[in-house]
Amino acid sequence: FLVLLELWRGNWQQASRWAEALAEMVEQSGDNYYWFCALLARGQLDAHAGQLDAAAAAADEAIAIALATGDTSREAEARQLLGFVALSSRDLREAVGQLTAADRLLDNLGQPEPAGFRFHPDLIEALIGLGDLSAAQAQADRLARRARALPRPWILATGARCRGLLLAAAGDLDGADAAMREALEYHENLEMPFERGRTLLAYGQILRRRNERRRARTMLTDAV
């Protein structure tokens, strides 16, 4: 959990130190359960840093452990990582396949809280990329219902970003602009700079389509 917290906060060097400490402790103990945790921690770090092959290898090994123990919740976690890796490499069909499988596993377990796994915005983005706007809208509606029930900053920010991406895909660039403005307001209360960078990137792309090149340049520069 310390690895994830520091990763989300943008302190990746500290997250890496925690991941190394975790791996060392697990190697000393030989505990297979916690080796799964070490694999996912390292895999998340590698995926965010663009080391996609290493992240995919860690996720594959983690899935093997989850399947061997019959732990469907852990399997969903590993498929979440594989889905993020696929989305990052723009393999959208693979991303949708992995994240849809993770979503079904969680539905069967009765775990509807997206903040516990945090992959639904990735699924929505991949579905939009494939042009399956109806499925993307259904997922976005689910996220919006959870946001009304539990208005956590992460759900509000990513939900608004997804809404902006959907509106842009449907050709409503004015609505997309408004949704992205709303998302950035929510990001003010969200200490997750990588997520903010993703929103800035998406907003910059929308502004380019609106021929607002100066604002687009500002957003894209901030995203970098």
Protein backbone atom coordinates (compact mmCIF):
# COMPACT_ATOMS: atom_id res chain seq x y z
CA PHE A 1 0.00 0.00 0.00
CA LEU A 2 2.89 2.37 0.66
CA VAL A 3 4.12 1.71 -2.88
CA LEU A 4 0.73 2.64 -4.33
CA LEU A 5 0.31 5.69 -2.12
CA GLU A 6 3.67 7.14 -3.13
CA LEU A 7 3.06 6.23 -6.77
CA TRP A 8 -0.28 8.07 -6.74
CA ARG A 9 1.27 11.06 -4.95
CA GLY A 10 3.92 11.33 -7.66
CA ASN A 11 6.83 10.39 -5.38
CA TRP A 12 8.05 7.56 -7.61
CA GLN A 13 11.54 7.32 -6.14
CA GLN A 14 10.11 6.63 -2.69
CA ALA A 15 7.61 4.20 -4.20
CA SER A 16 10.49 2.33 -5.83
CA ARG A 17 12.33 2.13 -2.51
CA TRP A 18 9.26 0.64 -0.84
CA ALA A 19 8.89 -1.85 -3.71
CA GLU A 20 12.51 -2.94 -3.31
CA ALA A 21 12.05 -3.32 0.45
CA LEU A 22 8.90 -5.38 -0.10
CA ALA A 23 10.62 -7.65 -2.63
CA GLU A 24 13.54 -8.20 -0.25
CA MET A 25 11.26 -9.14 2.64
CA VAL A 26 9.20 -11.49 0.47
CA GLU A 27 12.33 -13.20 -0.87
CA GLN A 28 13.49 -13.79 2.70
CA SER A 29 10.13 -15.15 3.82
CA GLY A 30 9.34 -17.18 0.69
CA ASP A 31 5.66 -16.29 1.09
CA ASN A 32 3.85 -16.74 -2.24
CA TYR A 33 0.90 -14.57 -1.19
CA TYR A 34 3.08 -11.54 -0.61
CA TRP A 35 5.14 -12.27 -3.71
CA PHE A 36 1.93 -11.51 -5.60
CA CYS A 37 1.85 -8.11 -3.86
CA ALA A 38 5.50 -7.48 -4.71
CA LEU A 39 4.88 -8.34 -8.37
CA LEU A 40 1.93 -5.97 -8.65
CA ALA A 41 3.77 -3.17 -6.85
CA ARG A 42 6.76 -3.44 -9.17
CA GLY A 43 4.50 -3.88 -12.18
CA GLN A 44 2.54 -0.71 -11.43
CA LEU A 45 5.75 1.26 -11.08
CA ASP A 46 7.15 -0.14 -14.33
CA ALA A 47 3.90 0.50 -16.20
CA HIS A 48 3.69 4.12 -15.12
CA ALA A 49 7.35 4.65 -16.04
CA GLY A 50 6.80 3.19 -19.51
CA GLN A 51 8.62 -0.11 -18.89
CA LEU A 52 5.72 -1.98 -20.41
CA ASP A 53 7.38 -5.34 -21.13
CA ALA A 54 8.57 -5.64 -17.54
CA ALA A 55 5.15 -4.61 -16.23
CA ALA A 56 3.38 -7.18 -18.45
CA ALA A 57 5.74 -9.93 -17.29
CA ALA A 58 5.03 -9.10 -13.65
CA ALA A 59 1.30 -9.09 -14.30
CA ASP A 60 1.42 -12.44 -16.10
CA GLU A 61 3.26 -14.02 -13.17
CA ALA A 62 0.77 -12.46 -10.75
CA ILE A 63 -2.19 -13.87 -12.71
CA ALA A 64 -0.61 -17.33 -12.58
CA ILE A 65 -0.42 -17.07 -8.78
CA ALA A 66 -4.02 -15.85 -8.54
CA LEU A 67 -5.32 -18.65 -10.77
CA ALA A 68 -3.36 -21.28 -8.87
CA THR A 69 -4.92 -20.15 -5.58
CA GLY A 70 -8.38 -19.48 -7.00
CA ASP A 71 -8.27 -15.87 -5.76
CA THR A 72 -10.54 -13.99 -8.16
CA SER A 73 -10.03 -10.62 -6.47
CA ARG A 74 -6.28 -10.93 -6.98
CA GLU A 75 -6.85 -12.03 -10.56
CA ALA A 76 -8.85 -8.85 -11.14
CA GLU A 77 -5.95 -6.79 -9.77
CA ALA A 78 -3.49 -8.45 -12.12
CA ARG A 79 -5.80 -8.03 -15.12
CA GLN A 80 -6.20 -4.37 -14.20
CA LEU A 81 -2.42 -3.99 -14.56
CA LEU A 82 -2.38 -5.86 -17.88
CA GLY A 83 -5.19 -3.64 -19.12
CA PHE A 84 -3.31 -0.48 -18.20
CA VAL A 85 -0.19 -1.82 -19.97
CA ALA A 86 -2.24 -2.57 -23.09
CA LEU A 87 -3.88 0.85 -23.03
CA SER A 88 -0.47 2.51 -22.65
CA SER A 89 0.81 0.65 -25.72
CA ARG A 90 -2.45 1.48 -27.60
CA ASP A 91 -3.47 -2.17 -27.90
CA LEU A 92 -7.07 -1.22 -27.29
CA ARG A 93 -8.67 -4.60 -27.93
CA GLU A 94 -6.36 -6.26 -25.42
CA ALA A 95 -7.05 -3.47 -22.93
CA VAL A 96 -10.81 -3.89 -23.26
CA GLY A 97 -10.50 -7.68 -22.97
CA GLN A 98 -8.43 -7.59 -19.79
CA LEU A 99 -10.39 -4.81 -18.10
CA THR A 100 -13.78 -6.26 -19.02
CA ALA A 101 -12.66 -9.57 -17.52
CA ALA A 102 -11.59 -7.77 -14.35
CA ASP A 103 -14.93 -5.95 -14.22
CA ARG A 104 -16.87 -9.22 -14.48
CA LEU A 105 -14.78 -10.83 -11.75
CA LEU A 106 -15.57 -7.94 -9.40
CA ASP A 107 -19.26 -7.99 -10.31
CA ASN A 108 -19.38 -11.67 -9.39
CA LEU A 109 -17.75 -10.86 -6.05
CA GLY A 110 -20.24 -8.06 -5.40
CA GLN A 111 -17.58 -5.34 -5.27
CA PRO A 112 -19.05 -2.26 -7.02
CA GLU A 113 -16.68 0.38 -5.61
CA PRO A 114 -14.42 1.59 -8.47
CA ALA A 115 -12.04 3.42 -6.14
CA GLY A 116 -10.94 0.05 -4.80
CA PHE A 117 -9.47 -0.96 -8.15
CA ARG A 118 -9.37 2.24 -10.25
CA PHE A 119 -9.44 0.76 -13.74
CA HIS A 120 -12.86 1.84 -14.99
CA PRO A 121 -11.62 5.11 -16.55
CA ASP A 122 -9.03 3.05 -18.46
CA LEU A 123 -11.80 0.76 -19.71
CA ILE A 124 -13.89 3.74 -20.80
CA GLU A 125 -10.94 5.29 -22.64
CA ALA A 126 -10.17 2.01 -24.43
CA LEU A 127 -13.82 1.54 -25.45
CA ILE A 128 -13.93 5.07 -26.84
CA GLY A 129 -10.74 4.37 -28.78
CA LEU A 130 -12.40 1.34 -30.37
CA GLY A 131 -15.48 3.40 -31.22
CA ASP A 132 -17.80 1.46 -28.89
CA LEU A 133 -19.43 4.57 -27.48
CA SER A 134 -22.52 2.81 -26.15
CA ALA A 135 -20.46 0.48 -23.95
CA ALA A 136 -18.27 3.40 -22.90
CA GLN A 137 -21.36 5.42 -21.98
CA ALA A 138 -22.72 2.55 -19.90
CA GLN A 139 -19.46 2.37 -17.94
CA ALA A 140 -19.39 6.16 -17.54
CA ASP A 141 -22.95 6.10 -16.22
CA ARG A 142 -21.94 3.51 -13.62
CA LEU A 143 -19.02 5.70 -12.58
CA ALA A 144 -21.35 8.70 -12.31
CA ARG A 145 -23.76 6.76 -10.07
CA ARG A 146 -20.89 5.86 -7.74
CA ALA A 147 -19.78 9.49 -7.74
CA ARG A 148 -23.24 10.55 -6.57
CA ALA A 149 -23.24 7.91 -3.85
CA LEU A 150 -19.64 8.52 -2.73
CA PRO A 151 -18.24 11.75 -4.20
CA ARG A 152 -14.58 10.90 -3.81
CA PRO A 153 -12.16 13.33 -5.54
CA TRP A 154 -10.67 10.58 -7.76
CA ILE A 155 -14.07 9.43 -9.02
CA LEU A 156 -15.22 13.00 -9.66
CA ALA A 157 -12.07 13.98 -11.56
CA THR A 158 -11.76 10.87 -13.70
CA GLY A 159 -15.50 10.69 -14.24
CA ALA A 160 -15.53 14.23 -15.64
CA ARG A 161 -12.55 13.41 -17.85
CA CYS A 162 -14.33 10.35 -19.22
CA ARG A 163 -17.43 12.42 -19.85
CA GLY A 164 -15.31 14.93 -21.78
CA LEU A 165 -13.75 12.16 -23.88
CA LEU A 166 -17.19 10.75 -24.67
CA LEU A 167 -18.57 14.14 -25.67
CA ALA A 168 -15.55 14.77 -27.87
CA ALA A 169 -15.95 11.38 -29.53
CA ALA A 170 -19.60 12.25 -30.25
CA GLY A 171 -18.55 15.57 -31.80
CA ASP A 172 -19.74 17.84 -28.97
CA LEU A 173 -16.53 19.79 -28.47
CA ASP A 174 -18.21 22.57 -26.47
CA GLY A 175 -19.58 20.04 -24.01
CA ALA A 176 -16.21 18.30 -23.90
CA ASP A 177 -14.50 21.61 -23.10
CA ALA A 178 -16.88 22.21 -20.18
CA ALA A 179 -16.41 18.67 -18.84
CA MET A 180 -12.62 18.99 -18.93
CA ARG A 181 -12.79 22.32 -17.10
CA GLU A 182 -14.86 20.59 -14.44
CA ALA A 183 -12.35 17.73 -14.26
CA LEU A 184 -9.46 20.13 -13.67
CA GLU A 185 -11.42 21.78 -10.85
CA TYR A 186 -11.79 18.39 -9.18
CA HIS A 187 -8.09 17.73 -9.66
CA GLU A 188 -7.38 20.68 -7.35
CA ASN A 189 -8.54 18.42 -4.50
CA LEU A 190 -6.79 15.30 -5.80
CA GLU A 191 -3.14 14.71 -4.91
CA MET A 192 -2.51 12.47 -7.93
CA PRO A 193 -0.34 14.32 -10.48
CA PHE A 194 -0.18 11.46 -12.98
CA GLU A 195 -3.99 11.46 -13.23
CA ARG A 196 -3.96 15.23 -13.66
CA GLY A 197 -1.41 14.83 -16.43
CA ARG A 198 -3.72 12.42 -18.24
CA THR A 199 -6.57 14.91 -17.98
CA LEU A 200 -4.38 17.74 -19.27
CA LEU A 201 -3.28 15.57 -22.20
CA ALA A 202 -6.87 14.71 -23.12
CA TYR A 203 -7.94 18.34 -22.74
CA GLY A 204 -5.09 19.55 -24.93
CA GLN A 205 -6.11 17.14 -27.67
CA ILE A 206 -9.70 18.39 -27.50
CA LEU A 207 -8.55 22.01 -27.69
CA ARG A 208 -6.49 21.21 -30.79
CA ARG A 209 -9.65 19.92 -32.44
CA ARG A 210 -11.30 23.22 -31.49
CA ASN A 211 -8.41 25.08 -33.15
CA GLU A 212 -7.56 26.72 -29.82
CA ARG A 213 -3.87 26.14 -30.37
CA ARG A 214 -2.57 28.50 -27.71
CA ARG A 215 -4.67 26.93 -24.95
CA ALA A 216 -3.87 23.48 -26.32
CA ARG A 217 -0.15 24.21 -26.13
CA THR A 218 -0.52 25.32 -22.52
CA MET A 219 -2.40 22.17 -21.54
CA LEU A 220 -0.02 19.84 -23.36
CA THR A 221 3.03 21.58 -21.90
CA ASP A 222 1.56 21.22 -18.42
CA ALA A 223 0.80 17.55 -19.14
CA VAL A 224 4.46 16.92 -20.04
